[in-house]
Amino acid sequence: MAKPISRRLHGAADYSYAAAIVAAPRLFGFQDDSTAVRTCQVMGAGVLLATLLTRAEWGAVRVIPFRTHLAADFGAGLLAMGAPWLFGFSGNARARTAFLAFGATSVLASRLTQPEEMP
């Protein structure tokens, strides 16, 4: 199967994704759930850090191989989908739905991105 997302596009999407995760509590109306808000902050910071450290055109420090970045995206996506139950905010439908969407997005992006390393 051809993978439609290039490394360059993946990086641009990662920066936007990190910002969207941090903004999600206000955007989706769960800013009163401190655990879900904190989880968004940690997750957004983690995505940003991984993006900055990835060996790609858009990485600032370029120490993490791109394939490792994709594997981390996959794992982070699974963790995001489990976060509402793992961290106790599954009763908040808005937060739960947001985290399921974050997770699915991360898993799909990791599987649909061309895994070529930067020369």
PDB file of N, CA and C in Angstrom:
ATOM      1  N   MET A   1       0.840  -1.181   0.000  1.00  0.00           N
ATOM      2  CA  MET A   1       0.000   0.000   0.000  1.00  0.00           C
ATOM      3  C   MET A   1       0.888   1.249   0.000  1.00  0.00           C
ATOM      4  N   ALA A   2       0.597   2.156  -0.889  1.00  0.00           N
ATOM      5  CA  ALA A   2       1.323   3.424  -0.931  1.00  0.00           C
ATOM      6  C   ALA A   2       0.915   4.269   0.276  1.00  0.00           C
ATOM      7  N   LYS A   3       1.895   4.915   0.872  1.00  0.00           N
ATOM      8  CA  LYS A   3       1.627   5.755   2.038  1.00  0.00           C
ATOM      9  C   LYS A   3       1.576   7.210   1.583  1.00  0.00           C
ATOM     10  N   PRO A   4       0.448   7.877   1.776  1.00  0.00           N
ATOM     11  CA  PRO A   4       0.241   9.203   1.190  1.00  0.00           C
ATOM     12  C   PRO A   4       0.885  10.382   1.923  1.00  0.00           C
ATOM     13  N   ILE A   5       1.364  10.184   3.139  1.00  0.00           N
ATOM     14  CA  ILE A   5       1.902  11.306   3.911  1.00  0.00           C
ATOM     15  C   ILE A   5       3.426  11.305   3.817  1.00  0.00           C
ATOM     16  N   SER A   6       3.998  12.391   3.333  1.00  0.00           N
ATOM     17  CA  SER A   6       5.456  12.511   3.242  1.00  0.00           C
ATOM     18  C   SER A   6       6.032  12.894   4.607  1.00  0.00           C
ATOM     19  N   ARG A   7       7.343  12.718   4.746  1.00  0.00           N
ATOM     20  CA  ARG A   7       8.018  13.107   5.989  1.00  0.00           C
ATOM     21  C   ARG A   7       7.829  14.609   6.227  1.00  0.00           C
ATOM     22  N   ARG A   8       7.964  15.400   5.190  1.00  0.00           N
ATOM     23  CA  ARG A   8       7.833  16.861   5.304  1.00  0.00           C
ATOM     24  C   ARG A   8       6.422  17.249   5.774  1.00  0.00           C
ATOM     25  N   LEU A   9       5.399  16.648   5.192  1.00  0.00           N
ATOM     26  CA  LEU A   9       4.018  16.932   5.585  1.00  0.00           C
ATOM     27  C   LEU A   9       3.751  16.457   7.013  1.00  0.00           C
ATOM     28  N   HIS A  10       4.310  15.309   7.380  1.00  0.00           N
ATOM     29  CA  HIS A  10       4.130  14.778   8.732  1.00  0.00           C
ATOM     30  C   HIS A  10       4.645  15.786   9.766  1.00  0.00           C
ATOM     31  N   GLY A  11       5.795  16.370   9.499  1.00  0.00           N
ATOM     32  CA  GLY A  11       6.357  17.351  10.433  1.00  0.00           C
ATOM     33  C   GLY A  11       5.482  18.576  10.591  1.00  0.00           C
ATOM     34  N   ALA A  12       4.994  19.093   9.482  1.00  0.00           N
ATOM     35  CA  ALA A  12       4.104  20.257   9.549  1.00  0.00           C
ATOM     36  C   ALA A  12       2.847  19.911  10.345  1.00  0.00           C
ATOM     37  N   ALA A  13       2.329  18.720  10.115  1.00  0.00           N
ATOM     38  CA  ALA A  13       1.132  18.283  10.835  1.00  0.00           C
ATOM     39  C   ALA A  13       1.415  18.125  12.327  1.00  0.00           C
ATOM     40  N   ASP A  14       2.614  17.634  12.679  1.00  0.00           N
ATOM     41  CA  ASP A  14       2.950  17.443  14.095  1.00  0.00           C
ATOM     42  C   ASP A  14       2.918  18.752  14.874  1.00  0.00           C
ATOM     43  N   TYR A  15       3.465  19.813  14.313  1.00  0.00           N
ATOM     44  CA  TYR A  15       3.449  21.096  15.020  1.00  0.00           C
ATOM     45  C   TYR A  15       2.010  21.570  15.238  1.00  0.00           C
ATOM     46  N   SER A  16       1.172  21.416  14.237  1.00  0.00           N
ATOM     47  CA  SER A  16      -0.242  21.796  14.362  1.00  0.00           C
ATOM     48  C   SER A  16      -0.962  20.900  15.363  1.00  0.00           C
ATOM     49  N   TYR A  17      -0.644  19.614  15.320  1.00  0.00           N
ATOM     50  CA  TYR A  17      -1.260  18.627  16.211  1.00  0.00           C
ATOM     51  C   TYR A  17      -0.938  18.950  17.672  1.00  0.00           C
ATOM     52  N   ALA A  18       0.315  19.285  17.965  1.00  0.00           N
ATOM     53  CA  ALA A  18       0.705  19.628  19.337  1.00  0.00           C
ATOM     54  C   ALA A  18      -0.095  20.831  19.835  1.00  0.00           C
ATOM     55  N   ALA A  19      -0.219  21.847  19.005  1.00  0.00           N
ATOM     56  CA  ALA A  19      -0.986  23.041  19.393  1.00  0.00           C
ATOM     57  C   ALA A  19      -2.462  22.705  19.594  1.00  0.00           C
ATOM     58  N   ALA A  20      -3.015  21.868  18.730  1.00  0.00           N
ATOM     59  CA  ALA A  20      -4.429  21.491  18.841  1.00  0.00           C
ATOM     60  C   ALA A  20      -4.702  20.721  20.128  1.00  0.00           C
ATOM     61  N   ILE A  21      -3.777  19.852  20.511  1.00  0.00           N
ATOM     62  CA  ILE A  21      -3.956  19.082  21.748  1.00  0.00           C
ATOM     63  C   ILE A  21      -3.985  20.018  22.955  1.00  0.00           C
ATOM     64  N   VAL A  22      -3.059  20.961  23.004  1.00  0.00           N
ATOM     65  CA  VAL A  22      -3.006  21.902  24.131  1.00  0.00           C
ATOM     66  C   VAL A  22      -4.260  22.785  24.163  1.00  0.00           C
ATOM     67  N   ALA A  23      -4.768  23.149  23.001  1.00  0.00           N
ATOM     68  CA  ALA A  23      -5.963  24.007  22.922  1.00  0.00           C
ATOM     69  C   ALA A  23      -7.269  23.236  23.112  1.00  0.00           C
ATOM     70  N   ALA A  24      -7.231  21.931  23.021  1.00  0.00           N
ATOM     71  CA  ALA A  24      -8.445  21.102  23.025  1.00  0.00           C
ATOM     72  C   ALA A  24      -9.388  21.327  24.208  1.00  0.00           C
ATOM     73  N   PRO A  25      -8.897  21.452  25.438  1.00  0.00           N
ATOM     74  CA  PRO A  25      -9.853  21.630  26.541  1.00  0.00           C
ATOM     75  C   PRO A  25     -10.793  22.819  26.339  1.00  0.00           C
ATOM     76  N   ARG A  26     -10.269  23.927  25.876  1.00  0.00           N
ATOM     77  CA  ARG A  26     -11.120  25.101  25.623  1.00  0.00           C
ATOM     78  C   ARG A  26     -11.931  24.930  24.347  1.00  0.00           C
ATOM     79  N   LEU A  27     -11.319  24.360  23.325  1.00  0.00           N
ATOM     80  CA  LEU A  27     -12.023  24.176  22.047  1.00  0.00           C
ATOM     81  C   LEU A  27     -13.219  23.238  22.176  1.00  0.00           C
ATOM     82  N   PHE A  28     -13.067  22.191  22.997  1.00  0.00           N
ATOM     83  CA  PHE A  28     -14.097  21.161  23.084  1.00  0.00           C
ATOM     84  C   PHE A  28     -14.867  21.167  24.399  1.00  0.00           C
ATOM     85  N   GLY A  29     -14.591  22.153  25.262  1.00  0.00           N
ATOM     86  CA  GLY A  29     -15.404  22.354  26.449  1.00  0.00           C
ATOM     87  C   GLY A  29     -15.166  21.419  27.617  1.00  0.00           C
ATOM     88  N   PHE A  30     -13.922  21.020  27.835  1.00  0.00           N
ATOM     89  CA  PHE A  30     -13.652  20.232  29.042  1.00  0.00           C
ATOM     90  C   PHE A  30     -12.542  20.874  29.885  1.00  0.00           C
ATOM     91  N   GLN A  31     -12.474  22.213  29.841  1.00  0.00           N
ATOM     92  CA  GLN A  31     -11.449  22.944  30.577  1.00  0.00           C
ATOM     93  C   GLN A  31     -11.615  22.859  32.090  1.00  0.00           C
ATOM     94  N   ASP A  32     -12.761  22.394  32.577  1.00  0.00           N
ATOM     95  CA  ASP A  32     -12.976  22.269  34.016  1.00  0.00           C
ATOM     96  C   ASP A  32     -12.506  20.928  34.567  1.00  0.00           C
ATOM     97  N   ASP A  33     -12.057  20.032  33.712  1.00  0.00           N
ATOM     98  CA  ASP A  33     -11.564  18.722  34.144  1.00  0.00           C
ATOM     99  C   ASP A  33     -10.042  18.795  34.229  1.00  0.00           C
ATOM    100  N   SER A  34      -9.535  19.038  35.435  1.00  0.00           N
ATOM    101  CA  SER A  34      -8.102  19.302  35.597  1.00  0.00           C
ATOM    102  C   SER A  34      -7.222  18.138  35.143  1.00  0.00           C
ATOM    103  N   THR A  35      -7.678  16.913  35.332  1.00  0.00           N
ATOM    104  CA  THR A  35      -6.874  15.767  34.903  1.00  0.00           C
ATOM    105  C   THR A  35      -6.785  15.707  33.384  1.00  0.00           C
ATOM    106  N   ALA A  36      -7.888  15.909  32.709  1.00  0.00           N
ATOM    107  CA  ALA A  36      -7.884  15.899  31.243  1.00  0.00           C
ATOM    108  C   ALA A  36      -7.069  17.072  30.697  1.00  0.00           C
ATOM    109  N   VAL A  37      -7.172  18.232  31.336  1.00  0.00           N
ATOM    110  CA  VAL A  37      -6.397  19.398  30.902  1.00  0.00           C
ATOM    111  C   VAL A  37      -4.907  19.125  31.061  1.00  0.00           C
ATOM    112  N   ARG A  38      -4.512  18.601  32.212  1.00  0.00           N
ATOM    113  CA  ARG A  38      -3.094  18.306  32.466  1.00  0.00           C
ATOM    114  C   ARG A  38      -2.593  17.252  31.480  1.00  0.00           C
ATOM    115  N   THR A  39      -3.411  16.263  31.193  1.00  0.00           N
ATOM    116  CA  THR A  39      -3.025  15.227  30.237  1.00  0.00           C
ATOM    117  C   THR A  39      -2.819  15.836  28.851  1.00  0.00           C
ATOM    118  N   CYS A  40      -3.663  16.770  28.454  1.00  0.00           N
ATOM    119  CA  CYS A  40      -3.485  17.475  27.175  1.00  0.00           C
ATOM    120  C   CYS A  40      -2.173  18.259  27.166  1.00  0.00           C
ATOM    121  N   GLN A  41      -1.875  18.930  28.258  1.00  0.00           N
ATOM    122  CA  GLN A  41      -0.644  19.716  28.330  1.00  0.00           C
ATOM    123  C   GLN A  41       0.588  18.827  28.204  1.00  0.00           C
ATOM    124  N   VAL A  42       0.582  17.709  28.923  1.00  0.00           N
ATOM    125  CA  VAL A  42       1.717  16.783  28.875  1.00  0.00           C
ATOM    126  C   VAL A  42       1.831  16.147  27.492  1.00  0.00           C
ATOM    127  N   MET A  43       0.703  15.730  26.948  1.00  0.00           N
ATOM    128  CA  MET A  43       0.714  15.097  25.629  1.00  0.00           C
ATOM    129  C   MET A  43       1.167  16.085  24.548  1.00  0.00           C
ATOM    130  N   GLY A  44       0.657  17.297  24.572  1.00  0.00           N
ATOM    131  CA  GLY A  44       1.062  18.312  23.596  1.00  0.00           C
ATOM    132  C   GLY A  44       2.547  18.631  23.695  1.00  0.00           C
ATOM    133  N   ALA A  45       3.046  18.749  24.926  1.00  0.00           N
ATOM    134  CA  ALA A  45       4.475  19.009  25.124  1.00  0.00           C
ATOM    135  C   ALA A  45       5.313  17.839  24.618  1.00  0.00           C
ATOM    136  N   GLY A  46       4.836  16.617  24.852  1.00  0.00           N
ATOM    137  CA  GLY A  46       5.557  15.437  24.372  1.00  0.00           C
ATOM    138  C   GLY A  46       5.632  15.382  22.860  1.00  0.00           C
ATOM    139  N   VAL A  47       4.527  15.687  22.203  1.00  0.00           N
ATOM    140  CA  VAL A  47       4.504  15.709  20.731  1.00  0.00           C
ATOM    141  C   VAL A  47       5.468  16.775  20.221  1.00  0.00           C
ATOM    142  N   LEU A  48       5.425  17.955  20.820  1.00  0.00           N
ATOM    143  CA  LEU A  48       6.312  19.036  20.397  1.00  0.00           C
ATOM    144  C   LEU A  48       7.778  18.655  20.604  1.00  0.00           C
ATOM    145  N   LEU A  49       8.098  18.090  21.756  1.00  0.00           N
ATOM    146  CA  LEU A  49       9.477  17.690  22.042  1.00  0.00           C
ATOM    147  C   LEU A  49       9.965  16.636  21.048  1.00  0.00           C
ATOM    148  N   ALA A  50       9.151  15.614  20.818  1.00  0.00           N
ATOM    149  CA  ALA A  50       9.534  14.566  19.867  1.00  0.00           C
ATOM    150  C   ALA A  50       9.735  15.150  18.471  1.00  0.00           C
ATOM    151  N   THR A  51       8.895  16.090  18.094  1.00  0.00           N
ATOM    152  CA  THR A  51       9.002  16.716  16.774  1.00  0.00           C
ATOM    153  C   THR A  51      10.296  17.521  16.664  1.00  0.00           C
ATOM    154  N   LEU A  52      10.598  18.287  17.686  1.00  0.00           N
ATOM    155  CA  LEU A  52      11.820  19.091  17.676  1.00  0.00           C
ATOM    156  C   LEU A  52      13.086  18.235  17.650  1.00  0.00           C
ATOM    157  N   LEU A  53      13.017  17.036  18.237  1.00  0.00           N
ATOM    158  CA  LEU A  53      14.193  16.166  18.337  1.00  0.00           C
ATOM    159  C   LEU A  53      14.349  15.185  17.181  1.00  0.00           C
ATOM    160  N   THR A  54      13.408  15.161  16.250  1.00  0.00           N
ATOM    161  CA  THR A  54      13.430  14.175  15.167  1.00  0.00           C
ATOM    162  C   THR A  54      14.381  14.584  14.048  1.00  0.00           C
ATOM    163  N   ARG A  55      15.098  13.581  13.539  1.00  0.00           N
ATOM    164  CA  ARG A  55      16.022  13.785  12.424  1.00  0.00           C
ATOM    165  C   ARG A  55      15.213  13.916  11.131  1.00  0.00           C
ATOM    166  N   ALA A  56      14.800  15.149  10.859  1.00  0.00           N
ATOM    167  CA  ALA A  56      13.999  15.467   9.672  1.00  0.00           C
ATOM    168  C   ALA A  56      14.171  16.953   9.380  1.00  0.00           C
ATOM    169  N   GLU A  57      13.657  17.386   8.246  1.00  0.00           N
ATOM    170  CA  GLU A  57      13.805  18.782   7.832  1.00  0.00           C
ATOM    171  C   GLU A  57      13.276  19.743   8.883  1.00  0.00           C
ATOM    172  N   TRP A  58      12.252  19.349   9.583  1.00  0.00           N
ATOM    173  CA  TRP A  58      11.561  20.201  10.535  1.00  0.00           C
ATOM    174  C   TRP A  58      12.039  20.025  11.971  1.00  0.00           C
ATOM    175  N   GLY A  59      12.984  19.124  12.212  1.00  0.00           N
ATOM    176  CA  GLY A  59      13.515  18.924  13.557  1.00  0.00           C
ATOM    177  C   GLY A  59      14.553  19.984  13.886  1.00  0.00           C
ATOM    178  N   ALA A  60      14.587  20.433  15.114  1.00  0.00           N
ATOM    179  CA  ALA A  60      15.548  21.462  15.517  1.00  0.00           C
ATOM    180  C   ALA A  60      16.880  20.853  15.942  1.00  0.00           C
ATOM    181  N   VAL A  61      16.832  19.710  16.641  1.00  0.00           N
ATOM    182  CA  VAL A  61      18.048  19.093  17.164  1.00  0.00           C
ATOM    183  C   VAL A  61      18.437  17.851  16.363  1.00  0.00           C
ATOM    184  N   ARG A  62      17.482  17.144  15.835  1.00  0.00           N
ATOM    185  CA  ARG A  62      17.671  16.021  14.907  1.00  0.00           C
ATOM    186  C   ARG A  62      18.493  14.863  15.479  1.00  0.00           C
ATOM    187  N   VAL A  63      18.017  14.293  16.575  1.00  0.00           N
ATOM    188  CA  VAL A  63      18.697  13.138  17.161  1.00  0.00           C
ATOM    189  C   VAL A  63      17.875  11.855  17.094  1.00  0.00           C
ATOM    190  N   ILE A  64      16.563  11.944  16.973  1.00  0.00           N
ATOM    191  CA  ILE A  64      15.699  10.760  16.933  1.00  0.00           C
ATOM    192  C   ILE A  64      15.484  10.360  15.475  1.00  0.00           C
ATOM    193  N   PRO A  65      15.801   9.106  15.116  1.00  0.00           N
ATOM    194  CA  PRO A  65      15.522   8.663  13.743  1.00  0.00           C
ATOM    195  C   PRO A  65      14.024   8.775  13.438  1.00  0.00           C
ATOM    196  N   PHE A  66      13.705   9.051  12.178  1.00  0.00           N
ATOM    197  CA  PHE A  66      12.311   9.255  11.799  1.00  0.00           C
ATOM    198  C   PHE A  66      11.465   8.010  12.044  1.00  0.00           C
ATOM    199  N   ARG A  67      12.005   6.831  11.781  1.00  0.00           N
ATOM    200  CA  ARG A  67      11.237   5.601  12.036  1.00  0.00           C
ATOM    201  C   ARG A  67      10.921   5.456  13.526  1.00  0.00           C
ATOM    202  N   THR A  68      11.838   5.871  14.375  1.00  0.00           N
ATOM    203  CA  THR A  68      11.589   5.846  15.821  1.00  0.00           C
ATOM    204  C   THR A  68      10.481   6.834  16.171  1.00  0.00           C
ATOM    205  N   HIS A  69      10.507   7.988  15.539  1.00  0.00           N
ATOM    206  CA  HIS A  69       9.452   8.985  15.737  1.00  0.00           C
ATOM    207  C   HIS A  69       8.088   8.385  15.382  1.00  0.00           C
ATOM    208  N   LEU A  70       8.025   7.682  14.248  1.00  0.00           N
ATOM    209  CA  LEU A  70       6.753   7.076  13.831  1.00  0.00           C
ATOM    210  C   LEU A  70       6.295   6.006  14.821  1.00  0.00           C
ATOM    211  N   ALA A  71       7.235   5.216  15.330  1.00  0.00           N
ATOM    212  CA  ALA A  71       6.886   4.199  16.327  1.00  0.00           C
ATOM    213  C   ALA A  71       6.362   4.863  17.604  1.00  0.00           C
ATOM    214  N   ALA A  72       6.989   5.969  17.993  1.00  0.00           N
ATOM    215  CA  ALA A  72       6.523   6.707  19.175  1.00  0.00           C
ATOM    216  C   ALA A  72       5.130   7.289  18.938  1.00  0.00           C
ATOM    217  N   ASP A  73       4.878   7.780  17.728  1.00  0.00           N
ATOM    218  CA  ASP A  73       3.541   8.281  17.394  1.00  0.00           C
ATOM    219  C   ASP A  73       2.498   7.180  17.553  1.00  0.00           C
ATOM    220  N   PHE A  74       2.829   5.984  17.091  1.00  0.00           N
ATOM    221  CA  PHE A  74       1.904   4.856  17.198  1.00  0.00           C
ATOM    222  C   PHE A  74       1.621   4.542  18.673  1.00  0.00           C
ATOM    223  N   GLY A  75       2.679   4.427  19.469  1.00  0.00           N
ATOM    224  CA  GLY A  75       2.513   4.138  20.891  1.00  0.00           C
ATOM    225  C   GLY A  75       1.772   5.235  21.632  1.00  0.00           C
ATOM    226  N   ALA A  76       2.086   6.485  21.310  1.00  0.00           N
ATOM    227  CA  ALA A  76       1.401   7.614  21.951  1.00  0.00           C
ATOM    228  C   ALA A  76      -0.078   7.627  21.588  1.00  0.00           C
ATOM    229  N   GLY A  77      -0.383   7.214  20.363  1.00  0.00           N
ATOM    230  CA  GLY A  77      -1.783   7.140  19.950  1.00  0.00           C
ATOM    231  C   GLY A  77      -2.556   6.113  20.755  1.00  0.00           C
ATOM    232  N   LEU A  78      -1.937   4.958  20.964  1.00  0.00           N
ATOM    233  CA  LEU A  78      -2.591   3.929  21.783  1.00  0.00           C
ATOM    234  C   LEU A  78      -2.784   4.425  23.214  1.00  0.00           C
ATOM    235  N   LEU A  79      -1.755   5.078  23.752  1.00  0.00           N
ATOM    236  CA  LEU A  79      -1.852   5.627  25.105  1.00  0.00           C
ATOM    237  C   LEU A  79      -2.947   6.691  25.185  1.00  0.00           C
ATOM    238  N   ALA A  80      -3.032   7.549  24.179  1.00  0.00           N
ATOM    239  CA  ALA A  80      -4.070   8.591  24.171  1.00  0.00           C
ATOM    240  C   ALA A  80      -5.461   7.972  24.185  1.00  0.00           C
ATOM    241  N   MET A  81      -5.652   6.888  23.425  1.00  0.00           N
ATOM    242  CA  MET A  81      -6.975   6.249  23.396  1.00  0.00           C
ATOM    243  C   MET A  81      -7.321   5.606  24.736  1.00  0.00           C
ATOM    244  N   GLY A  82      -6.324   5.190  25.481  1.00  0.00           N
ATOM    245  CA  GLY A  82      -6.577   4.603  26.793  1.00  0.00           C
ATOM    246  C   GLY A  82      -6.590   5.609  27.929  1.00  0.00           C
ATOM    247  N   ALA A  83      -6.091   6.818  27.679  1.00  0.00           N
ATOM    248  CA  ALA A  83      -5.930   7.825  28.733  1.00  0.00           C
ATOM    249  C   ALA A  83      -7.193   8.112  29.543  1.00  0.00           C
ATOM    250  N   PRO A  84      -8.371   8.228  28.935  1.00  0.00           N
ATOM    251  CA  PRO A  84      -9.553   8.526  29.754  1.00  0.00           C
ATOM    252  C   PRO A  84      -9.796   7.482  30.851  1.00  0.00           C
ATOM    253  N   TRP A  85      -9.513   6.228  30.577  1.00  0.00           N
ATOM    254  CA  TRP A  85      -9.719   5.167  31.558  1.00  0.00           C
ATOM    255  C   TRP A  85      -8.508   5.040  32.474  1.00  0.00           C
ATOM    256  N   LEU A  86      -7.325   5.208  31.927  1.00  0.00           N
ATOM    257  CA  LEU A  86      -6.110   5.112  32.739  1.00  0.00           C
ATOM    258  C   LEU A  86      -6.015   6.227  33.769  1.00  0.00           C
ATOM    259  N   PHE A  87      -6.459   7.427  33.410  1.00  0.00           N
ATOM    260  CA  PHE A  87      -6.304   8.590  34.275  1.00  0.00           C
ATOM    261  C   PHE A  87      -7.606   9.058  34.916  1.00  0.00           C
ATOM    262  N   GLY A  88      -8.692   8.314  34.709  1.00  0.00           N
ATOM    263  CA  GLY A  88      -9.919   8.538  35.450  1.00  0.00           C
ATOM    264  C   GLY A  88     -10.849   9.632  34.967  1.00  0.00           C
ATOM    265  N   PHE A  89     -10.809   9.981  33.691  1.00  0.00           N
ATOM    266  CA  PHE A  89     -11.771  10.978  33.210  1.00  0.00           C
ATOM    267  C   PHE A  89     -12.658  10.426  32.097  1.00  0.00           C
ATOM    268  N   SER A  90     -12.873   9.123  32.100  1.00  0.00           N
ATOM    269  CA  SER A  90     -13.713   8.505  31.062  1.00  0.00           C
ATOM    270  C   SER A  90     -15.180   8.925  31.170  1.00  0.00           C
ATOM    271  N   GLY A  91     -15.595   9.416  32.332  1.00  0.00           N
ATOM    272  CA  GLY A  91     -16.967   9.885  32.497  1.00  0.00           C
ATOM    273  C   GLY A  91     -17.235  11.220  31.816  1.00  0.00           C
ATOM    274  N   ASN A  92     -16.193  11.909  31.416  1.00  0.00           N
ATOM    275  CA  ASN A  92     -16.338  13.191  30.724  1.00  0.00           C
ATOM    276  C   ASN A  92     -16.377  12.898  29.221  1.00  0.00           C
ATOM    277  N   ALA A  93     -17.580  12.907  28.655  1.00  0.00           N
ATOM    278  CA  ALA A  93     -17.761  12.504  27.251  1.00  0.00           C
ATOM    279  C   ALA A  93     -16.957  13.367  26.282  1.00  0.00           C
ATOM    280  N   ARG A  94     -16.864  14.644  26.546  1.00  0.00           N
ATOM    281  CA  ARG A  94     -16.115  15.524  25.633  1.00  0.00           C
ATOM    282  C   ARG A  94     -14.625  15.210  25.665  1.00  0.00           C
ATOM    283  N   ALA A  95     -14.078  15.057  26.853  1.00  0.00           N
ATOM    284  CA  ALA A  95     -12.651  14.731  26.973  1.00  0.00           C
ATOM    285  C   ALA A  95     -12.376  13.342  26.406  1.00  0.00           C
ATOM    286  N   ARG A  96     -13.236  12.397  26.734  1.00  0.00           N
ATOM    287  CA  ARG A  96     -13.064  11.022  26.234  1.00  0.00           C
ATOM    288  C   ARG A  96     -13.052  11.002  24.706  1.00  0.00           C
ATOM    289  N   THR A  97     -14.006  11.679  24.096  1.00  0.00           N
ATOM    290  CA  THR A  97     -14.088  11.710  22.634  1.00  0.00           C
ATOM    291  C   THR A  97     -12.858  12.384  22.029  1.00  0.00           C
ATOM    292  N   ALA A  98     -12.407  13.475  22.640  1.00  0.00           N
ATOM    293  CA  ALA A  98     -11.216  14.169  22.137  1.00  0.00           C
ATOM    294  C   ALA A  98      -9.998  13.251  22.176  1.00  0.00           C
ATOM    295  N   PHE A  99      -9.816  12.528  23.277  1.00  0.00           N
ATOM    296  CA  PHE A  99      -8.651  11.653  23.389  1.00  0.00           C
ATOM    297  C   PHE A  99      -8.737  10.451  22.455  1.00  0.00           C
ATOM    298  N   LEU A 100      -9.929   9.945  22.232  1.00  0.00           N
ATOM    299  CA  LEU A 100     -10.078   8.873  21.240  1.00  0.00           C
ATOM    300  C   LEU A 100      -9.714   9.396  19.849  1.00  0.00           C
ATOM    301  N   ALA A 101     -10.119  10.622  19.547  1.00  0.00           N
ATOM    302  CA  ALA A 101      -9.779  11.230  18.250  1.00  0.00           C
ATOM    303  C   ALA A 101      -8.281  11.508  18.141  1.00  0.00           C
ATOM    304  N   PHE A 102      -7.668  12.023  19.219  1.00  0.00           N
ATOM    305  CA  PHE A 102      -6.218  12.251  19.207  1.00  0.00           C
ATOM    306  C   PHE A 102      -5.485  10.944  18.932  1.00  0.00           C
ATOM    307  N   GLY A 103      -5.895   9.912  19.649  1.00  0.00           N
ATOM    308  CA  GLY A 103      -5.230   8.620  19.503  1.00  0.00           C
ATOM    309  C   GLY A 103      -5.370   8.049  18.113  1.00  0.00           C
ATOM    310  N   ALA A 104      -6.584   8.091  17.587  1.00  0.00           N
ATOM    311  CA  ALA A 104      -6.810   7.568  16.237  1.00  0.00           C
ATOM    312  C   ALA A 104      -6.001   8.358  15.211  1.00  0.00           C
ATOM    313  N   THR A 105      -5.932   9.664  15.389  1.00  0.00           N
ATOM    314  CA  THR A 105      -5.152  10.509  14.475  1.00  0.00           C
ATOM    315  C   THR A 105      -3.678  10.133  14.510  1.00  0.00           C
ATOM    316  N   SER A 106      -3.149   9.946  15.704  1.00  0.00           N
ATOM    317  CA  SER A 106      -1.733   9.607  15.847  1.00  0.00           C
ATOM    318  C   SER A 106      -1.420   8.232  15.266  1.00  0.00           C
ATOM    319  N   VAL A 107      -2.262   7.257  15.553  1.00  0.00           N
ATOM    320  CA  VAL A 107      -2.056   5.905  15.015  1.00  0.00           C
ATOM    321  C   VAL A 107      -2.132   5.932  13.489  1.00  0.00           C
ATOM    322  N   LEU A 108      -3.154   6.579  12.953  1.00  0.00           N
ATOM    323  CA  LEU A 108      -3.299   6.642  11.493  1.00  0.00           C
ATOM    324  C   LEU A 108      -2.131   7.381  10.839  1.00  0.00           C
ATOM    325  N   ALA A 109      -1.727   8.490  11.414  1.00  0.00           N
ATOM    326  CA  ALA A 109      -0.603   9.243  10.842  1.00  0.00           C
ATOM    327  C   ALA A 109       0.670   8.409  10.846  1.00  0.00           C
ATOM    328  N   SER A 110       0.889   7.653  11.918  1.00  0.00           N
ATOM    329  CA  SER A 110       2.097   6.824  11.982  1.00  0.00           C
ATOM    330  C   SER A 110       2.084   5.722  10.931  1.00  0.00           C
ATOM    331  N   ARG A 111       0.912   5.196  10.631  1.00  0.00           N
ATOM    332  CA  ARG A 111       0.797   4.099   9.663  1.00  0.00           C
ATOM    333  C   ARG A 111       0.724   4.588   8.218  1.00  0.00           C
ATOM    334  N   LEU A 112       0.307   5.833   8.003  1.00  0.00           N
ATOM    335  CA  LEU A 112       0.130   6.352   6.644  1.00  0.00           C
ATOM    336  C   LEU A 112       1.277   7.250   6.171  1.00  0.00           C
ATOM    337  N   THR A 113       2.323   7.371   6.994  1.00  0.00           N
ATOM    338  CA  THR A 113       3.463   8.213   6.637  1.00  0.00           C
ATOM    339  C   THR A 113       4.575   7.376   6.022  1.00  0.00           C
ATOM    340  N   GLN A 114       5.142   7.874   4.940  1.00  0.00           N
ATOM    341  CA  GLN A 114       6.283   7.220   4.295  1.00  0.00           C
ATOM    342  C   GLN A 114       7.454   7.233   5.280  1.00  0.00           C
ATOM    343  N   PRO A 115       8.028   6.067   5.613  1.00  0.00           N
ATOM    344  CA  PRO A 115       9.031   6.003   6.678  1.00  0.00           C
ATOM    345  C   PRO A 115      10.473   6.293   6.251  1.00  0.00           C
ATOM    346  N   GLU A 116      10.696   6.977   5.143  1.00  0.00           N
ATOM    347  CA  GLU A 116      12.071   7.196   4.691  1.00  0.00           C
ATOM    348  C   GLU A 116      12.819   8.145   5.628  1.00  0.00           C
ATOM    349  N   GLU A 117      14.052   7.761   5.932  1.00  0.00           N
ATOM    350  CA  GLU A 117      14.908   8.578   6.793  1.00  0.00           C
ATOM    351  C   GLU A 117      15.490   9.736   5.985  1.00  0.00           C
ATOM    352  N   MET A 118      15.849  10.798   6.674  1.00  0.00           N
ATOM    353  CA  MET A 118      16.497  11.930   6.020  1.00  0.00           C
ATOM    354  C   MET A 118      17.949  11.557   5.724  1.00  0.00           C
ATOM    355  N   PRO A 119      18.461  11.890   4.537  1.00  0.00           N
ATOM    356  CA  PRO A 119      19.859  11.538   4.210  1.00  0.00           C
ATOM    357  C   PRO A 119      20.858  12.264   5.095  1.00  0.00           C
TER     358      PRO A 119
END
